[in-house]
Amino acid sequence: MKLACLFSGGKDSCLALHLAVKYGNDIKYLLNVFPENKDSWMFHKPDLKLLKRQADELGIKLVIKKSKGEEREELEDLKNLILEIRENIEGIVTGGIASSYQGTRIKKICDELGLEFIAPLWNVPAEKIWQKLFNSGFEVVLTKIACDGIGKEWIGRVIERENFNNLKKLAEKYKFRLDFEGGEAETAVLWMPGFEKHIKIDFDADSENKYRHFMRIKKII
């Protein structure tokens, strides 16, 4: 099928994209609703320069729609974004795992527009998702932390098999979701199947308080 992928550049949307291609689909567009506020109801807020670089590495057209990030308006912004390319696609891919708030709303928009709703990671256990990422060679880094248990030193660290057990132990101790579906952290992918080359970044790690840390990208190489 000809598809568009809701794309934040994080591990879940990138893995969902990879699986959709692996299953034989043709990804025509990457779609991003970019919230103006820091904490959106629906969407991960990426670094736009990095997002555009990821799309360039994939060789897929990126379509961005800015949003004020307000609960009802975000959904309308998403629907209007999909309407821009509706005639050229048959379905929407999403990296949603367990958020019924997000999943049901995206599916409703797809139903209204007569599009297939494709969520290859839905209800997949967190450890299995990480194993899929490791097995396919994804390079994933943390770009935002918003919970107790994950220290500032994890910002920008590549999550690999070797340090994954440490992350797992922290999740067990501090009771955060290992897939970060509850908003505990956000990620970015610096390499995945389909990239022309690895992305490298120069960054600083900033903090708002003891539990909130952010990547501030200075340069993308």
C-alpha atoms as a PDB file:
ATOM      1  CA  MET A   1       0.000   0.000   0.000  1.00  0.00           C
ATOM      2  CA  LYS A   2       0.944   3.631  -0.418  1.00  0.00           C
ATOM      3  CA  LEU A   3       1.292   5.025   3.086  1.00  0.00           C
ATOM      4  CA  ALA A   4       2.206   8.081   5.128  1.00  0.00           C
ATOM      5  CA  CYS A   5       3.955   7.653   8.458  1.00  0.00           C
ATOM      6  CA  LEU A   6       3.392   9.860  11.495  1.00  0.00           C
ATOM      7  CA  PHE A   7       7.014  10.649  12.191  1.00  0.00           C
ATOM      8  CA  SER A   8       8.763  12.205  15.186  1.00  0.00           C
ATOM      9  CA  GLY A   9      12.201  10.739  14.519  1.00  0.00           C
ATOM     10  CA  GLY A  10      11.972   8.790  17.780  1.00  0.00           C
ATOM     11  CA  LYS A  11      12.432   5.052  18.217  1.00  0.00           C
ATOM     12  CA  ASP A  12       8.772   4.077  17.879  1.00  0.00           C
ATOM     13  CA  SER A  13       7.878   5.989  14.724  1.00  0.00           C
ATOM     14  CA  CYS A  14      11.165   4.934  13.117  1.00  0.00           C
ATOM     15  CA  LEU A  15      10.628   1.271  13.992  1.00  0.00           C
ATOM     16  CA  ALA A  16       7.019   1.391  12.778  1.00  0.00           C
ATOM     17  CA  LEU A  17       8.268   2.908   9.508  1.00  0.00           C
ATOM     18  CA  HIS A  18      10.925   0.205   9.178  1.00  0.00           C
ATOM     19  CA  LEU A  19       8.394  -2.583   9.752  1.00  0.00           C
ATOM     20  CA  ALA A  20       5.893  -1.087   7.305  1.00  0.00           C
ATOM     21  CA  VAL A  21       8.584  -1.029   4.609  1.00  0.00           C
ATOM     22  CA  LYS A  22       9.687  -4.553   5.548  1.00  0.00           C
ATOM     23  CA  TYR A  23       6.113  -5.753   5.030  1.00  0.00           C
ATOM     24  CA  GLY A  24       6.251  -4.439   1.453  1.00  0.00           C
ATOM     25  CA  ASN A  25       4.539  -1.052   1.747  1.00  0.00           C
ATOM     26  CA  ASP A  26       5.576   2.150  -0.017  1.00  0.00           C
ATOM     27  CA  ILE A  27       6.065   5.109   2.351  1.00  0.00           C
ATOM     28  CA  LYS A  28       5.263   8.245   0.384  1.00  0.00           C
ATOM     29  CA  TYR A  29       5.346  10.841   3.176  1.00  0.00           C
ATOM     30  CA  LEU A  30       6.591  11.461   6.685  1.00  0.00           C
ATOM     31  CA  LEU A  31       4.057  13.576   8.594  1.00  0.00           C
ATOM     32  CA  ASN A  32       4.830  15.675  11.653  1.00  0.00           C
ATOM     33  CA  VAL A  33       2.585  17.875  13.776  1.00  0.00           C
ATOM     34  CA  PHE A  34       5.030  20.171  15.549  1.00  0.00           C
ATOM     35  CA  PRO A  35       3.703  21.586  18.848  1.00  0.00           C
ATOM     36  CA  GLU A  36       4.741  25.083  19.856  1.00  0.00           C
ATOM     37  CA  ASN A  37       4.576  24.258  23.567  1.00  0.00           C
ATOM     38  CA  LYS A  38       7.013  21.919  25.338  1.00  0.00           C
ATOM     39  CA  ASP A  39       4.498  19.298  26.417  1.00  0.00           C
ATOM     40  CA  SER A  40       1.943  18.298  23.826  1.00  0.00           C
ATOM     41  CA  TRP A  41      -1.133  16.166  24.557  1.00  0.00           C
ATOM     42  CA  MET A  42      -0.495  14.024  21.488  1.00  0.00           C
ATOM     43  CA  PHE A  43       2.907  14.579  19.970  1.00  0.00           C
ATOM     44  CA  HIS A  44       6.618  14.232  20.675  1.00  0.00           C
ATOM     45  CA  LYS A  45       8.391  17.563  20.024  1.00  0.00           C
ATOM     46  CA  PRO A  46      11.617  16.871  18.115  1.00  0.00           C
ATOM     47  CA  ASP A  47      14.455  19.139  17.071  1.00  0.00           C
ATOM     48  CA  LEU A  48      13.323  20.302  13.623  1.00  0.00           C
ATOM     49  CA  LYS A  49      16.816  20.368  12.118  1.00  0.00           C
ATOM     50  CA  LEU A  50      17.398  16.792  13.227  1.00  0.00           C
ATOM     51  CA  LEU A  51      13.960  15.741  11.989  1.00  0.00           C
ATOM     52  CA  LYS A  52      14.671  17.175   8.534  1.00  0.00           C
ATOM     53  CA  ARG A  53      18.060  15.475   8.465  1.00  0.00           C
ATOM     54  CA  GLN A  54      16.464  12.130   9.320  1.00  0.00           C
ATOM     55  CA  ALA A  55      13.994  12.564   6.468  1.00  0.00           C
ATOM     56  CA  ASP A  56      16.859  13.430   4.113  1.00  0.00           C
ATOM     57  CA  GLU A  57      18.720  10.277   5.128  1.00  0.00           C
ATOM     58  CA  LEU A  58      15.581   8.223   4.446  1.00  0.00           C
ATOM     59  CA  GLY A  59      14.909   9.994   1.162  1.00  0.00           C
ATOM     60  CA  ILE A  60      11.216  10.447   2.005  1.00  0.00           C
ATOM     61  CA  LYS A  61       9.285  13.705   1.736  1.00  0.00           C
ATOM     62  CA  LEU A  62       8.635  15.325   5.130  1.00  0.00           C
ATOM     63  CA  VAL A  63       5.468  17.398   5.602  1.00  0.00           C
ATOM     64  CA  ILE A  64       5.298  19.466   8.797  1.00  0.00           C
ATOM     65  CA  LYS A  65       2.332  21.321  10.272  1.00  0.00           C
ATOM     66  CA  LYS A  66       2.901  23.547  13.283  1.00  0.00           C
ATOM     67  CA  SER A  67       0.360  23.436  16.097  1.00  0.00           C
ATOM     68  CA  LYS A  68      -0.302  25.439  19.238  1.00  0.00           C
ATOM     69  CA  GLY A  69      -0.379  22.109  21.065  1.00  0.00           C
ATOM     70  CA  GLU A  70      -3.867  22.570  22.502  1.00  0.00           C
ATOM     71  CA  GLU A  71      -5.815  19.360  23.055  1.00  0.00           C
ATOM     72  CA  ARG A  72      -8.689  19.772  20.579  1.00  0.00           C
ATOM     73  CA  GLU A  73      -6.773  21.822  18.042  1.00  0.00           C
ATOM     74  CA  GLU A  74      -3.995  19.224  17.810  1.00  0.00           C
ATOM     75  CA  LEU A  75      -6.442  16.681  16.412  1.00  0.00           C
ATOM     76  CA  GLU A  76      -7.785  19.143  13.879  1.00  0.00           C
ATOM     77  CA  ASP A  77      -4.219  20.063  12.892  1.00  0.00           C
ATOM     78  CA  LEU A  78      -3.423  16.373  12.367  1.00  0.00           C
ATOM     79  CA  LYS A  79      -6.541  15.854  10.268  1.00  0.00           C
ATOM     80  CA  ASN A  80      -5.748  18.891   8.110  1.00  0.00           C
ATOM     81  CA  LEU A  81      -2.187  17.656   7.637  1.00  0.00           C
ATOM     82  CA  ILE A  82      -3.415  14.258   6.441  1.00  0.00           C
ATOM     83  CA  LEU A  83      -5.943  15.957   4.139  1.00  0.00           C
ATOM     84  CA  GLU A  84      -3.055  17.687   2.353  1.00  0.00           C
ATOM     85  CA  ILE A  85      -1.801  14.335   1.021  1.00  0.00           C
ATOM     86  CA  ARG A  86      -4.978  12.225   1.307  1.00  0.00           C
ATOM     87  CA  GLU A  87      -5.376  11.613  -2.429  1.00  0.00           C
ATOM     88  CA  ASN A  88      -1.914  10.050  -2.713  1.00  0.00           C
ATOM     89  CA  ILE A  89      -2.098   7.476   0.089  1.00  0.00           C
ATOM     90  CA  GLU A  90      -4.122   4.503   1.286  1.00  0.00           C
ATOM     91  CA  GLY A  91      -3.221   4.435   4.961  1.00  0.00           C
ATOM     92  CA  ILE A  92      -1.423   5.941   7.951  1.00  0.00           C
ATOM     93  CA  VAL A  93       1.365   4.288   9.944  1.00  0.00           C
ATOM     94  CA  THR A  94       1.780   5.179  13.606  1.00  0.00           C
ATOM     95  CA  GLY A  95       4.343   4.108  16.192  1.00  0.00           C
ATOM     96  CA  GLY A  96       1.815   4.015  19.027  1.00  0.00           C
ATOM     97  CA  ILE A  97       2.307   1.222  21.551  1.00  0.00           C
ATOM     98  CA  ALA A  98      -0.294   1.482  24.286  1.00  0.00           C
ATOM     99  CA  SER A  99      -1.746   4.989  24.427  1.00  0.00           C
ATOM    100  CA  SER A 100      -5.467   4.541  23.841  1.00  0.00           C
ATOM    101  CA  TYR A 101      -5.796   8.336  24.059  1.00  0.00           C
ATOM    102  CA  GLN A 102      -3.592   8.768  21.011  1.00  0.00           C
ATOM    103  CA  GLY A 103      -4.443   5.575  19.142  1.00  0.00           C
ATOM    104  CA  THR A 104      -8.229   5.905  19.210  1.00  0.00           C
ATOM    105  CA  ARG A 105      -8.065   9.511  18.044  1.00  0.00           C
ATOM    106  CA  ILE A 106      -5.739   8.781  15.142  1.00  0.00           C
ATOM    107  CA  LYS A 107      -7.836   5.760  14.130  1.00  0.00           C
ATOM    108  CA  LYS A 108     -10.987   7.897  14.209  1.00  0.00           C
ATOM    109  CA  ILE A 109      -9.397  10.380  11.790  1.00  0.00           C
ATOM    110  CA  CYS A 110      -8.338   7.502   9.514  1.00  0.00           C
ATOM    111  CA  ASP A 111     -11.864   6.068   9.574  1.00  0.00           C
ATOM    112  CA  GLU A 112     -13.351   9.454   8.707  1.00  0.00           C
ATOM    113  CA  LEU A 113     -10.981   9.813   5.752  1.00  0.00           C
ATOM    114  CA  GLY A 114     -11.293   6.235   4.540  1.00  0.00           C
ATOM    115  CA  LEU A 115      -7.693   5.324   5.335  1.00  0.00           C
ATOM    116  CA  GLU A 116      -6.159   2.186   6.790  1.00  0.00           C
ATOM    117  CA  PHE A 117      -4.840   2.590  10.342  1.00  0.00           C
ATOM    118  CA  ILE A 118      -1.561   0.696  10.707  1.00  0.00           C
ATOM    119  CA  ALA A 119       0.044   0.358  14.134  1.00  0.00           C
ATOM    120  CA  PRO A 120       2.659  -2.435  13.955  1.00  0.00           C
ATOM    121  CA  LEU A 121       3.842  -1.855  17.543  1.00  0.00           C
ATOM    122  CA  TRP A 122       0.434  -1.811  19.198  1.00  0.00           C
ATOM    123  CA  ASN A 123       0.496  -3.851  22.436  1.00  0.00           C
ATOM    124  CA  VAL A 124       4.011  -5.125  21.725  1.00  0.00           C
ATOM    125  CA  PRO A 125       5.903  -5.555  25.047  1.00  0.00           C
ATOM    126  CA  ALA A 126       8.614  -2.970  25.725  1.00  0.00           C
ATOM    127  CA  GLU A 127      11.476  -5.465  25.852  1.00  0.00           C
ATOM    128  CA  LYS A 128      10.424  -6.946  22.527  1.00  0.00           C
ATOM    129  CA  ILE A 129      10.426  -3.478  20.951  1.00  0.00           C
ATOM    130  CA  TRP A 130      13.964  -2.849  22.199  1.00  0.00           C
ATOM    131  CA  GLN A 131      15.077  -6.244  20.897  1.00  0.00           C
ATOM    132  CA  LYS A 132      13.661  -5.402  17.461  1.00  0.00           C
ATOM    133  CA  LEU A 133      15.632  -2.149  17.555  1.00  0.00           C
ATOM    134  CA  PHE A 134      18.847  -3.903  18.594  1.00  0.00           C
ATOM    135  CA  ASN A 135      18.426  -6.705  16.044  1.00  0.00           C
ATOM    136  CA  SER A 136      17.998  -4.206  13.208  1.00  0.00           C
ATOM    137  CA  GLY A 137      20.972  -2.076  14.267  1.00  0.00           C
ATOM    138  CA  PHE A 138      19.073   1.064  15.284  1.00  0.00           C
ATOM    139  CA  GLU A 139      21.121   3.748  17.025  1.00  0.00           C
ATOM    140  CA  VAL A 140      18.800   5.344  19.595  1.00  0.00           C
ATOM    141  CA  VAL A 141      19.633   8.171  22.013  1.00  0.00           C
ATOM    142  CA  LEU A 142      17.632   9.829  24.773  1.00  0.00           C
ATOM    143  CA  THR A 143      16.752  13.457  24.011  1.00  0.00           C
ATOM    144  CA  LYS A 144      14.410  14.202  26.921  1.00  0.00           C
ATOM    145  CA  ILE A 145      13.932  12.778  30.416  1.00  0.00           C
ATOM    146  CA  ALA A 146      10.851  13.572  32.501  1.00  0.00           C
ATOM    147  CA  CYS A 147      10.788  11.092  35.362  1.00  0.00           C
ATOM    148  CA  ASP A 148      12.543   9.947  38.493  1.00  0.00           C
ATOM    149  CA  GLY A 149      15.220   7.284  38.063  1.00  0.00           C
ATOM    150  CA  ILE A 150      16.911   8.293  34.808  1.00  0.00           C
ATOM    151  CA  GLY A 151      19.719  10.763  35.461  1.00  0.00           C
ATOM    152  CA  LYS A 152      20.924  13.605  33.294  1.00  0.00           C
ATOM    153  CA  GLU A 153      23.929  11.497  32.247  1.00  0.00           C
ATOM    154  CA  TRP A 154      21.620   9.400  30.049  1.00  0.00           C
ATOM    155  CA  ILE A 155      20.918  12.330  27.719  1.00  0.00           C
ATOM    156  CA  GLY A 156      22.610  11.620  24.391  1.00  0.00           C
ATOM    157  CA  ARG A 157      23.679   8.135  25.441  1.00  0.00           C
ATOM    158  CA  VAL A 158      23.165   5.460  22.794  1.00  0.00           C
ATOM    159  CA  ILE A 159      20.958   2.685  24.186  1.00  0.00           C
ATOM    160  CA  GLU A 160      22.731  -0.590  23.403  1.00  0.00           C
ATOM    161  CA  ARG A 161      22.372  -4.165  24.555  1.00  0.00           C
ATOM    162  CA  GLU A 162      25.206  -3.567  27.029  1.00  0.00           C
ATOM    163  CA  ASN A 163      23.507  -0.730  28.953  1.00  0.00           C
ATOM    164  CA  PHE A 164      19.914  -1.812  28.380  1.00  0.00           C
ATOM    165  CA  ASN A 165      19.968  -4.037  31.469  1.00  0.00           C
ATOM    166  CA  ASN A 166      20.881  -0.998  33.564  1.00  0.00           C
ATOM    167  CA  LEU A 167      17.911   0.881  32.114  1.00  0.00           C
ATOM    168  CA  LYS A 168      15.693  -2.125  32.797  1.00  0.00           C
ATOM    169  CA  LYS A 169      16.775  -2.229  36.452  1.00  0.00           C
ATOM    170  CA  LEU A 170      16.017   1.479  36.816  1.00  0.00           C
ATOM    171  CA  ALA A 171      12.567   0.944  35.303  1.00  0.00           C
ATOM    172  CA  GLU A 172      11.859  -1.843  37.774  1.00  0.00           C
ATOM    173  CA  LYS A 173      13.054   0.240  40.730  1.00  0.00           C
ATOM    174  CA  TYR A 174      11.414   3.562  39.845  1.00  0.00           C
ATOM    175  CA  LYS A 175       8.307   2.132  38.123  1.00  0.00           C
ATOM    176  CA  PHE A 176       8.560   3.944  34.782  1.00  0.00           C
ATOM    177  CA  ARG A 177       7.638   2.320  31.471  1.00  0.00           C
ATOM    178  CA  LEU A 178      10.621   0.878  29.673  1.00  0.00           C
ATOM    179  CA  ASP A 179       9.145   1.915  26.315  1.00  0.00           C
ATOM    180  CA  PHE A 180       8.563   5.486  27.650  1.00  0.00           C
ATOM    181  CA  GLU A 181       4.976   5.377  26.429  1.00  0.00           C
ATOM    182  CA  GLY A 182       3.915   7.304  29.530  1.00  0.00           C
ATOM    183  CA  GLY A 183       6.062  10.298  28.554  1.00  0.00           C
ATOM    184  CA  GLU A 184       8.954   9.389  30.849  1.00  0.00           C
ATOM    185  CA  ALA A 185      11.490  10.075  28.099  1.00  0.00           C
ATOM    186  CA  GLU A 186      11.840  10.863  24.411  1.00  0.00           C
ATOM    187  CA  THR A 187      14.313   9.493  21.905  1.00  0.00           C
ATOM    188  CA  ALA A 188      15.890  10.191  18.531  1.00  0.00           C
ATOM    189  CA  VAL A 189      17.264   7.739  15.981  1.00  0.00           C
ATOM    190  CA  LEU A 190      20.709   8.478  14.576  1.00  0.00           C
ATOM    191  CA  TRP A 191      20.832   5.408  12.347  1.00  0.00           C
ATOM    192  CA  MET A 192      18.326   2.865  11.089  1.00  0.00           C
ATOM    193  CA  PRO A 193      17.885   0.686   8.003  1.00  0.00           C
ATOM    194  CA  GLY A 194      17.181   3.054   5.117  1.00  0.00           C
ATOM    195  CA  PHE A 195      19.524   5.840   6.230  1.00  0.00           C
ATOM    196  CA  GLU A 196      22.206   6.785   3.728  1.00  0.00           C
ATOM    197  CA  LYS A 197      24.672   7.363   6.571  1.00  0.00           C
ATOM    198  CA  HIS A 198      24.891   7.728  10.328  1.00  0.00           C
ATOM    199  CA  ILE A 199      23.926  11.048  11.901  1.00  0.00           C
ATOM    200  CA  LYS A 200      26.287  12.522  14.463  1.00  0.00           C
ATOM    201  CA  ILE A 201      25.390  15.303  16.868  1.00  0.00           C
ATOM    202  CA  ASP A 202      27.176  17.774  19.121  1.00  0.00           C
ATOM    203  CA  PHE A 203      24.967  18.707  22.070  1.00  0.00           C
ATOM    204  CA  ASP A 204      24.629  19.981  25.602  1.00  0.00           C
ATOM    205  CA  ALA A 205      22.378  18.478  28.274  1.00  0.00           C
ATOM    206  CA  ASP A 206      20.218  21.084  30.033  1.00  0.00           C
ATOM    207  CA  SER A 207      18.021  20.644  33.102  1.00  0.00           C
ATOM    208  CA  GLU A 208      14.805  22.293  34.253  1.00  0.00           C
ATOM    209  CA  ASN A 209      14.805  20.525  37.612  1.00  0.00           C
ATOM    210  CA  LYS A 210      15.892  17.242  39.218  1.00  0.00           C
ATOM    211  CA  TYR A 211      13.586  15.173  37.014  1.00  0.00           C
ATOM    212  CA  ARG A 212      13.505  17.042  33.684  1.00  0.00           C
ATOM    213  CA  HIS A 213      16.493  17.059  31.358  1.00  0.00           C
ATOM    214  CA  PHE A 214      16.748  17.995  27.690  1.00  0.00           C
ATOM    215  CA  MET A 215      19.172  17.638  24.808  1.00  0.00           C
ATOM    216  CA  ARG A 216      20.126  20.943  23.205  1.00  0.00           C
ATOM    217  CA  ILE A 217      21.650  20.194  19.821  1.00  0.00           C
ATOM    218  CA  LYS A 218      24.465  22.516  18.823  1.00  0.00           C
ATOM    219  CA  LYS A 219      25.532  20.867  15.574  1.00  0.00           C
ATOM    220  CA  ILE A 220      24.410  18.033  13.333  1.00  0.00           C
ATOM    221  CA  ILE A 221      27.121  16.267  11.332  1.00  0.00           C
END
